[in-house]
C-alpha atoms as a PDB file:
ATOM      1  CA  MET A   1    -103.896  18.021  70.968  1.00  0.00           C
ATOM      2  CA  LYS A   2    -102.310  20.713  73.094  1.00  0.00           C
ATOM      3  CA  ILE A   3    -104.234  23.510  74.657  1.00  0.00           C
ATOM      4  CA  GLY A   4    -102.480  26.834  74.898  1.00  0.00           C
ATOM      5  CA  ARG A   5    -101.858  28.531  78.182  1.00  0.00           C
ATOM      6  CA  GLY A   6    -103.715  31.600  76.936  1.00  0.00           C
ATOM      7  CA  SER A   7    -106.902  29.644  76.272  1.00  0.00           C
ATOM      8  CA  VAL A   8    -106.724  28.149  79.773  1.00  0.00           C
ATOM      9  CA  ASN A   9    -106.356  31.594  81.287  1.00  0.00           C
ATOM     10  CA  ARG A  10    -109.293  32.900  79.251  1.00  0.00           C
ATOM     11  CA  ALA A  11    -111.440  29.951  80.399  1.00  0.00           C
ATOM     12  CA  ALA A  12    -110.451  30.627  84.004  1.00  0.00           C
ATOM     13  CA  LEU A  13    -111.285  34.307  83.628  1.00  0.00           C
ATOM     14  CA  LEU A  14    -114.626  33.460  82.042  1.00  0.00           C
ATOM     15  CA  SER A  15    -115.507  31.025  84.854  1.00  0.00           C
ATOM     16  CA  GLU A  16    -114.419  33.566  87.451  1.00  0.00           C
ATOM     17  CA  SER A  17    -116.538  36.311  85.868  1.00  0.00           C
ATOM     18  CA  ALA A  18    -119.520  33.935  85.659  1.00  0.00           C
ATOM     19  CA  TYR A  19    -119.065  33.090  89.347  1.00  0.00           C
ATOM     20  CA  LYS A  20    -118.952  36.790  90.222  1.00  0.00           C
ATOM     21  CA  ARG A  21    -122.104  37.457  88.165  1.00  0.00           C
ATOM     22  CA  MET A  22    -123.832  34.595  89.967  1.00  0.00           C
ATOM     23  CA  ILE A  23    -122.812  36.016  93.338  1.00  0.00           C
ATOM     24  CA  VAL A  24    -124.065  39.491  92.337  1.00  0.00           C
ATOM     25  CA  ARG A  25    -127.344  37.998  91.101  1.00  0.00           C
ATOM     26  CA  LYS A  26    -127.831  36.087  94.357  1.00  0.00           C
ATOM     27  CA  LYS A  27    -127.147  39.222  96.394  1.00  0.00           C
ATOM     28  CA  ARG A  28    -129.602  41.184  94.272  1.00  0.00           C
ATOM     29  CA  ILE A  29    -132.290  38.526  94.683  1.00  0.00           C
ATOM     30  CA  SER A  30    -131.590  38.411  98.418  1.00  0.00           C
ATOM     31  CA  LYS A  31    -131.976  42.192  98.675  1.00  0.00           C
ATOM     32  CA  ILE A  32    -135.250  42.085  96.743  1.00  0.00           C
ATOM     33  CA  ARG A  33    -136.621  39.333  98.987  1.00  0.00           C
ATOM     34  CA  ARG A  34    -135.483  41.219 102.067  1.00  0.00           C
ATOM     35  CA  GLY A  35    -137.118  44.390 100.781  1.00  0.00           C
ATOM     36  CA  ILE A  36    -140.408  42.597 100.092  1.00  0.00           C
ATOM     37  CA  ALA A  37    -140.337  40.966 103.541  1.00  0.00           C
ATOM     38  CA  THR A  38    -139.595  44.331 105.166  1.00  0.00           C
ATOM     39  CA  LEU A  39    -142.441  45.965 103.246  1.00  0.00           C
ATOM     40  CA  LEU A  40    -144.878  43.239 104.308  1.00  0.00           C
ATOM     41  CA  ALA A  41    -143.723  43.460 107.944  1.00  0.00           C
ATOM     42  CA  ALA A  42    -144.050  47.253 107.877  1.00  0.00           C
ATOM     43  CA  SER A  43    -147.552  46.989 106.402  1.00  0.00           C
ATOM     44  CA  CYS A  44    -148.620  44.524 109.109  1.00  0.00           C
ATOM     45  CA  ALA A  45    -147.081  46.760 111.790  1.00  0.00           C
ATOM     46  CA  VAL A  46    -149.008  49.777 110.472  1.00  0.00           C
ATOM     47  CA  LEU A  47    -152.274  47.789 110.456  1.00  0.00           C
ATOM     48  CA  PHE A  48    -151.721  46.579 114.024  1.00  0.00           C
ATOM     49  CA  LEU A  49    -150.666  50.004 115.316  1.00  0.00           C
ATOM     50  CA  MET A  50    -153.441  51.905 113.546  1.00  0.00           C
ATOM     51  CA  PRO A  51    -156.105  51.361 116.282  1.00  0.00           C
ATOM     52  CA  ILE A  52    -153.653  52.464 118.977  1.00  0.00           C
ATOM     53  CA  VAL A  53    -152.600  55.566 117.049  1.00  0.00           C
ATOM     54  CA  LEU A  54    -156.254  56.338 116.256  1.00  0.00           C
ATOM     55  CA  THR A  55    -157.186  56.057 119.939  1.00  0.00           C
ATOM     56  CA  VAL A  56    -154.339  58.306 121.110  1.00  0.00           C
ATOM     57  CA  THR A  57    -154.855  61.012 118.480  1.00  0.00           C
ATOM     58  CA  ASN A  58    -158.642  61.021 118.815  1.00  0.00           C
ATOM     59  CA  SER A  59    -158.319  61.518 122.562  1.00  0.00           C
ATOM     60  CA  PHE A  60    -157.067  65.053 121.799  1.00  0.00           C
ATOM     61  CA  MET A  61    -160.125  65.950 119.712  1.00  0.00           C
ATOM     62  CA  SER A  62    -162.962  68.102 120.967  1.00  0.00           C
ATOM     63  CA  ALA A  63    -166.291  66.505 121.819  1.00  0.00           C
ATOM     64  CA  SER A  64    -168.021  68.136 118.845  1.00  0.00           C
ATOM     65  CA  GLU A  65    -165.406  66.882 116.392  1.00  0.00           C
ATOM     66  CA  ILE A  66    -165.602  63.343 117.776  1.00  0.00           C
ATOM     67  CA  SER A  67    -169.397  63.406 117.617  1.00  0.00           C
ATOM     68  CA  SER A  68    -169.354  64.569 113.996  1.00  0.00           C
ATOM     69  CA  ASN A  69    -166.885  61.844 113.023  1.00  0.00           C
ATOM     70  CA  TYR A  70    -168.173  58.842 115.003  1.00  0.00           C
ATOM     71  CA  GLY A  71    -171.616  59.838 116.228  1.00  0.00           C
ATOM     72  CA  GLN A  72    -173.382  57.572 113.743  1.00  0.00           C
ATOM     73  CA  VAL A  73    -171.586  54.491 115.066  1.00  0.00           C
ATOM     74  CA  PHE A  74    -173.140  54.882 118.523  1.00  0.00           C
ATOM     75  CA  ALA A  75    -176.447  56.395 117.452  1.00  0.00           C
ATOM     76  CA  THR A  76    -179.663  54.608 118.443  1.00  0.00           C
ATOM     77  CA  SER A  77    -183.123  54.626 116.942  1.00  0.00           C
ATOM     78  CA  ASP A  78    -186.307  55.714 118.707  1.00  0.00           C
ATOM     79  CA  SER A  79    -186.999  52.106 119.698  1.00  0.00           C
ATOM     80  CA  GLY A  80    -183.587  51.839 121.364  1.00  0.00           C
ATOM     81  CA  GLY A  81    -181.936  49.708 118.681  1.00  0.00           C
ATOM     82  CA  LYS A  82    -178.953  50.527 116.516  1.00  0.00           C
ATOM     83  CA  THR A  83    -179.437  52.647 113.417  1.00  0.00           C
ATOM     84  CA  TYR A  84    -178.213  51.900 109.915  1.00  0.00           C
ATOM     85  CA  ILE A  85    -175.046  53.800 109.011  1.00  0.00           C
ATOM     86  CA  SER A  86    -175.863  55.353 105.665  1.00  0.00           C
ATOM     87  CA  GLU A  87    -172.629  57.327 105.328  1.00  0.00           C
ATOM     88  CA  LYS A  88    -168.995  56.418 105.654  1.00  0.00           C
ATOM     89  CA  VAL A  89    -167.412  56.895 109.050  1.00  0.00           C
ATOM     90  CA  ASN A  90    -164.688  59.514 108.928  1.00  0.00           C
ATOM     91  CA  LEU A  91    -161.521  58.081 110.486  1.00  0.00           C
ATOM     92  CA  LYS A  92    -159.311  61.040 111.359  1.00  0.00           C
ATOM     93  CA  PHE A  93    -155.781  60.636 112.699  1.00  0.00           C
ATOM     94  CA  ILE A  94    -155.010  64.345 113.045  1.00  0.00           C
ATOM     95  CA  PRO A  95    -157.452  66.533 115.018  1.00  0.00           C
ATOM     96  CA  ASP A  96    -158.478  69.888 113.580  1.00  0.00           C
ATOM     97  CA  MET A  97    -157.661  71.503 116.913  1.00  0.00           C
ATOM     98  CA  VAL A  98    -155.840  69.844 119.803  1.00  0.00           C
ATOM     99  CA  SER A  99    -157.969  69.798 122.940  1.00  0.00           C
ATOM    100  CA  PHE A 100    -157.184  68.511 126.418  1.00  0.00           C
ATOM    101  CA  ALA A 101    -160.790  68.756 127.567  1.00  0.00           C
ATOM    102  CA  GLN A 102    -161.244  64.976 127.631  1.00  0.00           C
ATOM    103  CA  TYR A 103    -158.210  64.475 129.894  1.00  0.00           C
ATOM    104  CA  ILE A 104    -159.241  67.351 132.158  1.00  0.00           C
ATOM    105  CA  THR A 105    -162.631  65.716 132.603  1.00  0.00           C
ATOM    106  CA  VAL A 106    -161.158  62.286 133.270  1.00  0.00           C
ATOM    107  CA  LEU A 107    -158.378  63.391 135.617  1.00  0.00           C
ATOM    108  CA  PHE A 108    -159.978  66.283 137.500  1.00  0.00           C
ATOM    109  CA  LYS A 109    -163.685  66.838 136.902  1.00  0.00           C
ATOM    110  CA  SER A 110    -164.893  63.232 137.104  1.00  0.00           C
ATOM    111  CA  PRO A 111    -162.920  61.190 139.662  1.00  0.00           C
ATOM    112  CA  ASP A 112    -165.099  58.145 138.988  1.00  0.00           C
ATOM    113  CA  TYR A 113    -162.839  57.148 136.091  1.00  0.00           C
ATOM    114  CA  LEU A 114    -159.694  57.264 138.226  1.00  0.00           C
ATOM    115  CA  PHE A 115    -161.552  55.374 140.919  1.00  0.00           C
ATOM    116  CA  LYS A 116    -162.299  52.598 138.436  1.00  0.00           C
ATOM    117  CA  PHE A 117    -158.671  52.685 137.317  1.00  0.00           C
ATOM    118  CA  TRP A 118    -157.535  51.996 140.867  1.00  0.00           C
ATOM    119  CA  ASN A 119    -160.166  49.264 141.066  1.00  0.00           C
ATOM    120  CA  SER A 120    -158.347  47.611 138.177  1.00  0.00           C
ATOM    121  CA  VAL A 121    -155.021  47.927 139.992  1.00  0.00           C
ATOM    122  CA  ILE A 122    -156.456  46.512 143.230  1.00  0.00           C
ATOM    123  CA  LEU A 123    -157.983  43.543 141.400  1.00  0.00           C
ATOM    124  CA  VAL A 124    -155.047  42.692 139.136  1.00  0.00           C
ATOM    125  CA  VAL A 125    -151.880  43.219 141.208  1.00  0.00           C
ATOM    126  CA  PRO A 126    -152.727  40.641 143.939  1.00  0.00           C
ATOM    127  CA  ILE A 127    -153.672  38.109 141.261  1.00  0.00           C
ATOM    128  CA  VAL A 128    -150.316  38.539 139.515  1.00  0.00           C
ATOM    129  CA  GLY A 129    -148.267  38.290 142.711  1.00  0.00           C
ATOM    130  CA  PHE A 130    -150.039  35.404 144.411  1.00  0.00           C
ATOM    131  CA  GLN A 131    -150.649  33.391 141.241  1.00  0.00           C
ATOM    132  CA  LEU A 132    -146.918  33.573 140.564  1.00  0.00           C
ATOM    133  CA  LEU A 133    -146.148  32.467 144.131  1.00  0.00           C
ATOM    134  CA  VAL A 134    -148.590  29.540 144.010  1.00  0.00           C
ATOM    135  CA  ALA A 135    -147.336  28.554 140.558  1.00  0.00           C
ATOM    136  CA  LEU A 136    -143.690  28.553 141.677  1.00  0.00           C
ATOM    137  CA  LEU A 137    -144.375  26.268 144.624  1.00  0.00           C
ATOM    138  CA  ALA A 138    -146.640  23.935 142.644  1.00  0.00           C
ATOM    139  CA  SER A 139    -144.216  23.794 139.704  1.00  0.00           C
ATOM    140  CA  TYR A 140    -141.342  22.891 142.001  1.00  0.00           C
ATOM    141  CA  GLY A 141    -143.417  20.052 143.439  1.00  0.00           C
ATOM    142  CA  PHE A 142    -144.343  18.755 139.975  1.00  0.00           C
ATOM    143  CA  THR A 143    -140.677  18.991 138.928  1.00  0.00           C
ATOM    144  CA  ARG A 144    -139.006  17.388 141.921  1.00  0.00           C
ATOM    145  CA  TYR A 145    -141.435  14.604 142.667  1.00  0.00           C
ATOM    146  CA  ARG A 146    -142.763  12.475 139.839  1.00  0.00           C
ATOM    147  CA  GLY A 147    -145.478   9.855 140.105  1.00  0.00           C
ATOM    148  CA  ARG A 148    -148.645   8.614 138.471  1.00  0.00           C
ATOM    149  CA  ILE A 149    -150.927  10.627 140.764  1.00  0.00           C
ATOM    150  CA  LYS A 150    -148.939  13.825 140.260  1.00  0.00           C
ATOM    151  CA  GLU A 151    -148.931  13.332 136.487  1.00  0.00           C
ATOM    152  CA  MET A 152    -152.702  12.880 136.557  1.00  0.00           C
ATOM    153  CA  ILE A 153    -153.051  16.096 138.573  1.00  0.00           C
ATOM    154  CA  PHE A 154    -150.791  17.908 136.118  1.00  0.00           C
ATOM    155  CA  PHE A 155    -152.856  16.542 133.220  1.00  0.00           C
ATOM    156  CA  ALA A 156    -155.958  17.919 134.943  1.00  0.00           C
ATOM    157  CA  TYR A 157    -154.198  21.294 135.094  1.00  0.00           C
ATOM    158  CA  ILE A 158    -153.689  21.165 131.334  1.00  0.00           C
ATOM    159  CA  ILE A 159    -157.356  20.305 130.717  1.00  0.00           C
ATOM    160  CA  LEU A 160    -158.475  23.215 132.904  1.00  0.00           C
ATOM    161  CA  MET A 161    -156.078  25.553 131.123  1.00  0.00           C
ATOM    162  CA  LEU A 162    -157.519  24.589 127.730  1.00  0.00           C
ATOM    163  CA  MET A 163    -161.023  25.517 128.856  1.00  0.00           C
ATOM    164  CA  PRO A 164    -162.061  29.121 128.169  1.00  0.00           C
ATOM    165  CA  TYR A 165    -163.023  31.178 131.179  1.00  0.00           C
ATOM    166  CA  GLN A 166    -166.632  31.344 130.008  1.00  0.00           C
ATOM    167  CA  VAL A 167    -166.924  27.581 130.584  1.00  0.00           C
ATOM    168  CA  THR A 168    -165.744  27.788 134.201  1.00  0.00           C
ATOM    169  CA  LEU A 169    -167.634  31.002 134.950  1.00  0.00           C
ATOM    170  CA  VAL A 170    -170.777  29.237 136.169  1.00  0.00           C
ATOM    171  CA  PRO A 171    -168.872  26.871 138.541  1.00  0.00           C
ATOM    172  CA  ASN A 172    -166.928  29.862 139.852  1.00  0.00           C
ATOM    173  CA  TYR A 173    -170.199  31.695 140.477  1.00  0.00           C
ATOM    174  CA  LEU A 174    -171.679  28.719 142.330  1.00  0.00           C
ATOM    175  CA  VAL A 175    -168.546  28.181 144.431  1.00  0.00           C
ATOM    176  CA  SER A 176    -168.341  31.903 145.229  1.00  0.00           C
ATOM    177  CA  GLY A 177    -171.962  31.813 146.375  1.00  0.00           C
ATOM    178  CA  TRP A 178    -171.255  28.755 148.530  1.00  0.00           C
ATOM    179  CA  LEU A 179    -168.254  30.532 150.096  1.00  0.00           C
ATOM    180  CA  HIS A 180    -170.317  33.727 150.575  1.00  0.00           C
ATOM    181  CA  ILE A 181    -167.788  35.846 148.704  1.00  0.00           C
ATOM    182  CA  LEU A 182    -170.033  37.047 145.883  1.00  0.00           C
ATOM    183  CA  ASP A 183    -169.944  40.826 145.372  1.00  0.00           C
ATOM    184  CA  THR A 184    -166.535  40.947 147.031  1.00  0.00           C
ATOM    185  CA  ARG A 185    -163.086  41.164 145.498  1.00  0.00           C
ATOM    186  CA  TRP A 186    -162.341  37.654 146.730  1.00  0.00           C
ATOM    187  CA  ALA A 187    -164.659  36.332 144.021  1.00  0.00           C
ATOM    188  CA  ILE A 188    -162.173  37.736 141.486  1.00  0.00           C
ATOM    189  CA  TRP A 189    -158.989  37.098 143.431  1.00  0.00           C
ATOM    190  CA  LEU A 190    -159.378  33.416 144.323  1.00  0.00           C
ATOM    191  CA  PRO A 191    -160.082  32.024 140.805  1.00  0.00           C
ATOM    192  CA  GLY A 192    -157.299  34.212 139.453  1.00  0.00           C
ATOM    193  CA  ILE A 193    -154.727  33.205 142.075  1.00  0.00           C
ATOM    194  CA  PHE A 194    -155.308  29.487 141.525  1.00  0.00           C
ATOM    195  CA  SER A 195    -155.449  29.668 137.729  1.00  0.00           C
ATOM    196  CA  PRO A 196    -153.521  26.748 136.112  1.00  0.00           C
ATOM    197  CA  PHE A 197    -151.928  28.838 133.362  1.00  0.00           C
ATOM    198  CA  ALA A 198    -148.815  29.876 135.284  1.00  0.00           C
ATOM    199  CA  VAL A 199    -148.410  26.422 136.837  1.00  0.00           C
ATOM    200  CA  TYR A 200    -148.279  24.781 133.417  1.00  0.00           C
ATOM    201  CA  LEU A 201    -145.716  27.201 131.943  1.00  0.00           C
ATOM    202  CA  LEU A 202    -143.430  27.227 134.980  1.00  0.00           C
ATOM    203  CA  THR A 203    -143.550  23.421 135.333  1.00  0.00           C
ATOM    204  CA  LYS A 204    -142.553  22.915 131.708  1.00  0.00           C
ATOM    205  CA  TYR A 205    -139.801  25.486 132.119  1.00  0.00           C
ATOM    206  CA  MET A 206    -138.527  24.146 135.430  1.00  0.00           C
ATOM    207  CA  ARG A 207    -138.341  20.566 134.133  1.00  0.00           C
ATOM    208  CA  ARG A 208    -135.706  21.712 131.642  1.00  0.00           C
ATOM    209  CA  ILE A 209    -133.272  22.331 134.482  1.00  0.00           C
ATOM    210  CA  PRO A 210    -130.846  19.359 134.610  1.00  0.00           C
ATOM    211  CA  THR A 211    -131.624  17.075 137.538  1.00  0.00           C
ATOM    212  CA  SER A 212    -127.878  16.588 138.052  1.00  0.00           C
ATOM    213  CA  VAL A 213    -127.617  20.173 139.289  1.00  0.00           C
ATOM    214  CA  MET A 214    -130.287  19.618 141.941  1.00  0.00           C
ATOM    215  CA  GLU A 215    -128.777  16.265 142.931  1.00  0.00           C
ATOM    216  CA  ALA A 216    -125.332  17.854 143.279  1.00  0.00           C
ATOM    217  CA  ALA A 217    -126.760  20.563 145.517  1.00  0.00           C
ATOM    218  CA  GLN A 218    -128.561  17.921 147.565  1.00  0.00           C
ATOM    219  CA  ILE A 219    -125.310  15.956 147.989  1.00  0.00           C
ATOM    220  CA  ASP A 220    -123.611  19.156 149.207  1.00  0.00           C
ATOM    221  CA  GLY A 221    -126.232  19.380 151.961  1.00  0.00           C
ATOM    222  CA  ALA A 222    -128.726  21.795 150.445  1.00  0.00           C
ATOM    223  CA  GLY A 223    -132.338  21.367 151.523  1.00  0.00           C
ATOM    224  CA  GLU A 224    -135.420  21.663 149.375  1.00  0.00           C
ATOM    225  CA  TRP A 225    -135.906  25.317 150.228  1.00  0.00           C
ATOM    226  CA  GLN A 226    -132.287  26.128 149.347  1.00  0.00           C
ATOM    227  CA  ILE A 227    -132.545  24.248 146.038  1.00  0.00           C
ATOM    228  CA  PHE A 228    -135.763  26.058 145.246  1.00  0.00           C
ATOM    229  CA  ARG A 229    -134.458  29.485 146.220  1.00  0.00           C
ATOM    230  CA  HIS A 230    -130.861  29.386 144.960  1.00  0.00           C
ATOM    231  CA  ILE A 231    -131.182  27.151 141.879  1.00  0.00           C
ATOM    232  CA  CYS A 232    -134.715  27.035 140.515  1.00  0.00           C
ATOM    233  CA  MET A 233    -135.787  30.622 141.068  1.00  0.00           C
ATOM    234  CA  PRO A 234    -132.665  32.266 139.522  1.00  0.00           C
ATOM    235  CA  LEU A 235    -132.841  29.971 136.483  1.00  0.00           C
ATOM    236  CA  CYS A 236    -136.585  30.651 136.083  1.00  0.00           C
ATOM    237  CA  LYS A 237    -136.285  34.429 136.336  1.00  0.00           C
ATOM    238  CA  GLY A 238    -136.993  34.977 132.639  1.00  0.00           C
ATOM    239  CA  CYS A 239    -139.993  32.659 132.656  1.00  0.00           C
ATOM    240  CA  MET A 240    -141.332  34.270 135.844  1.00  0.00           C
ATOM    241  CA  CYS A 241    -141.241  37.704 134.205  1.00  0.00           C
ATOM    242  CA  SER A 242    -142.879  36.328 131.059  1.00  0.00           C
ATOM    243  CA  VAL A 243    -145.662  34.698 133.079  1.00  0.00           C
ATOM    244  CA  ALA A 244    -146.180  37.856 135.161  1.00  0.00           C
ATOM    245  CA  ILE A 245    -146.521  39.993 132.012  1.00  0.00           C
ATOM    246  CA  LEU A 246    -148.996  37.585 130.403  1.00  0.00           C
ATOM    247  CA  ILE A 247    -151.064  37.317 133.597  1.00  0.00           C
ATOM    248  CA  PHE A 248    -151.144  41.100 134.009  1.00  0.00           C
ATOM    249  CA  ILE A 249    -152.289  41.700 130.419  1.00  0.00           C
ATOM    250  CA  ASP A 250    -154.917  38.949 130.662  1.00  0.00           C
ATOM    251  CA  TYR A 251    -156.537  40.159 133.883  1.00  0.00           C
ATOM    252  CA  TRP A 252    -156.055  43.855 133.143  1.00  0.00           C
ATOM    253  CA  ASN A 253    -158.509  43.433 130.254  1.00  0.00           C
ATOM    254  CA  MET A 254    -161.044  41.221 132.036  1.00  0.00           C
ATOM    255  CA  VAL A 255    -164.719  42.037 131.544  1.00  0.00           C
ATOM    256  CA  GLU A 256    -166.845  38.923 132.135  1.00  0.00           C
ATOM    257  CA  GLN A 257    -165.629  38.186 135.670  1.00  0.00           C
ATOM    258  CA  PRO A 258    -166.526  41.580 137.218  1.00  0.00           C
ATOM    259  CA  LEU A 259    -169.836  41.735 135.360  1.00  0.00           C
ATOM    260  CA  ILE A 260    -170.955  38.330 136.678  1.00  0.00           C
ATOM    261  CA  LEU A 261    -169.318  38.173 140.111  1.00  0.00           C
ATOM    262  CA  LEU A 262    -169.579  41.840 141.160  1.00  0.00           C
ATOM    263  CA  SER A 263    -173.042  43.393 141.091  1.00  0.00           C
ATOM    264  CA  ASP A 264    -171.860  46.690 142.607  1.00  0.00           C
ATOM    265  CA  ASP A 265    -170.817  49.066 139.804  1.00  0.00           C
ATOM    266  CA  SER A 266    -168.487  50.952 142.130  1.00  0.00           C
ATOM    267  CA  MET A 267    -166.261  47.858 142.355  1.00  0.00           C
ATOM    268  CA  HIS A 268    -165.998  47.354 138.603  1.00  0.00           C
ATOM    269  CA  PRO A 269    -162.626  47.939 136.906  1.00  0.00           C
ATOM    270  CA  LEU A 270    -162.103  50.441 134.126  1.00  0.00           C
ATOM    271  CA  SER A 271    -162.237  47.707 131.479  1.00  0.00           C
ATOM    272  CA  VAL A 272    -165.965  47.281 132.193  1.00  0.00           C
ATOM    273  CA  PHE A 273    -166.556  50.980 131.543  1.00  0.00           C
ATOM    274  CA  LEU A 274    -164.769  50.689 128.191  1.00  0.00           C
ATOM    275  CA  SER A 275    -167.118  47.854 127.235  1.00  0.00           C
ATOM    276  CA  LYS A 276    -170.178  50.066 127.919  1.00  0.00           C
ATOM    277  CA  ILE A 277    -169.424  53.084 125.786  1.00  0.00           C
ATOM    278  CA  LYS A 278    -172.396  55.385 125.330  1.00  0.00           C
ATOM    279  CA  LYS A 279    -173.008  58.008 122.692  1.00  0.00           C
ATOM    280  CA  GLY A 280    -172.183  60.945 124.937  1.00  0.00           C
ATOM    281  CA  GLU A 281    -168.975  59.358 126.258  1.00  0.00           C
ATOM    282  CA  ILE A 282    -167.124  58.645 123.002  1.00  0.00           C
ATOM    283  CA  GLY A 283    -164.493  61.327 123.599  1.00  0.00           C
ATOM    284  CA  LEU A 284    -164.038  60.306 127.212  1.00  0.00           C
ATOM    285  CA  ALA A 285    -163.682  56.699 126.101  1.00  0.00           C
ATOM    286  CA  PHE A 286    -160.742  57.625 123.862  1.00  0.00           C
ATOM    287  CA  ALA A 287    -159.015  59.452 126.728  1.00  0.00           C
ATOM    288  CA  VAL A 288    -159.742  56.687 129.235  1.00  0.00           C
ATOM    289  CA  ALA A 289    -158.535  54.025 126.802  1.00  0.00           C
ATOM    290  CA  THR A 290    -155.278  55.935 126.299  1.00  0.00           C
ATOM    291  CA  ILE A 291    -154.709  56.153 130.054  1.00  0.00           C
ATOM    292  CA  TYR A 292    -155.702  52.507 130.419  1.00  0.00           C
ATOM    293  CA  MET A 293    -153.066  51.422 127.878  1.00  0.00           C
ATOM    294  CA  ILE A 294    -150.183  53.083 129.722  1.00  0.00           C
ATOM    295  CA  PRO A 295    -149.629  50.392 132.435  1.00  0.00           C
ATOM    296  CA  THR A 296    -149.654  47.524 129.918  1.00  0.00           C
ATOM    297  CA  LEU A 297    -147.239  49.358 127.640  1.00  0.00           C
ATOM    298  CA  LEU A 298    -144.901  50.151 130.532  1.00  0.00           C
ATOM    299  CA  VAL A 299    -145.004  46.547 131.774  1.00  0.00           C
ATOM    300  CA  PHE A 300    -144.314  45.211 128.291  1.00  0.00           C
ATOM    301  CA  LEU A 301    -141.476  47.656 127.548  1.00  0.00           C
ATOM    302  CA  TYR A 302    -139.859  47.018 130.935  1.00  0.00           C
ATOM    303  CA  GLY A 303    -140.054  43.224 130.640  1.00  0.00           C
ATOM    304  CA  GLU A 304    -139.659  42.813 126.876  1.00  0.00           C
ATOM    305  CA  ASP A 305    -136.229  41.180 127.149  1.00  0.00           C
ATOM    306  CA  TYR A 306    -137.427  38.814 129.872  1.00  0.00           C
ATOM    307  CA  LEU A 307    -140.537  37.983 127.832  1.00  0.00           C
ATOM    308  CA  VAL A 308    -138.503  37.013 124.774  1.00  0.00           C
ATOM    309  CA  GLU A 309    -136.005  35.107 126.913  1.00  0.00           C
ATOM    310  CA  GLY A 310    -138.730  33.191 128.717  1.00  0.00           C
ATOM    311  CA  ILE A 311    -140.427  32.178 125.470  1.00  0.00           C
ATOM    312  CA  THR A 312    -137.329  31.240 123.467  1.00  0.00           C
ATOM    313  CA  TYR A 313    -135.263  29.602 126.235  1.00  0.00           C
ATOM    314  CA  GLN A 314    -134.648  25.940 125.413  1.00  0.00           C
ATOM    315  CA  GLY A 315    -133.232  24.707 128.698  1.00  0.00           C
ATOM    316  CA  GLY A 316    -129.806  24.177 130.176  1.00  0.00           C
ATOM    317  CA  ILE A 317    -127.709  26.448 132.312  1.00  0.00           C
ATOM    318  CA  LYS A 318    -126.129  29.626 131.060  1.00  0.00           C
ATOM    319  CA  GLY A 319    -122.484  30.168 131.583  1.00  0.00           C
END
């Protein structure tokens, strides 16, 4: 039985049209899935950004407007306890009238807030710098020289890193008392500088560098310092920036350490003030929180590329 050429052409056209319809259907389904994923991501982004936007916009409200909207949240009973909130709290994103009174008070009329801000800077910046320096040297030692004792020490680092700070707070208090550094900034600096977090991340990152590169440099006459400075540090630049950003954010928001180790309120950072918001300071708290967010946002925006690179880097040498 012979099949005509026309029927073959019609079958080919039908199969081609079916293939095109299938391609169009797949593209349509892909667009729908992409739209749903984008909508979900946008919804999550709005939920995460809502507290930040609420803090920034409410910082431009007047004290009376803030008290009328959120006064019940911070109200206390006659016995000193919290009161029951019988009405809904009014979350407002747009102030009725823009007011800079909160910022004028924080920046000019009450220098205590700026003083606490600089306390935060003085406490955090040395921790970031020296913890990074100690971590680089320790990570290079763990990378270059392997052995059972060093692996046991590194395992101890991991165990200490897994412990929350609240667990080690009592030993830190006892050691600080033994060293006579309680109520001084050294009680905050020393535990922060020798924290195992940066050592663990940099060691894992540095061990991804091929040993053949270090051996080749050693054959060419390079010493340990030259290998560390000209090979390890340039290749670990992304991880160093990532670690510095994470350390800064972690210690910029610390509360427990200053409360336990520093009894003098004048040495407390601004984060402690934000944890002790009183009824009459709600508006100031919004303004202070907005100012307090600026350094972390600037650090993150400046080092965003390095942060992503340090997290996603899988090893090897870039060309």
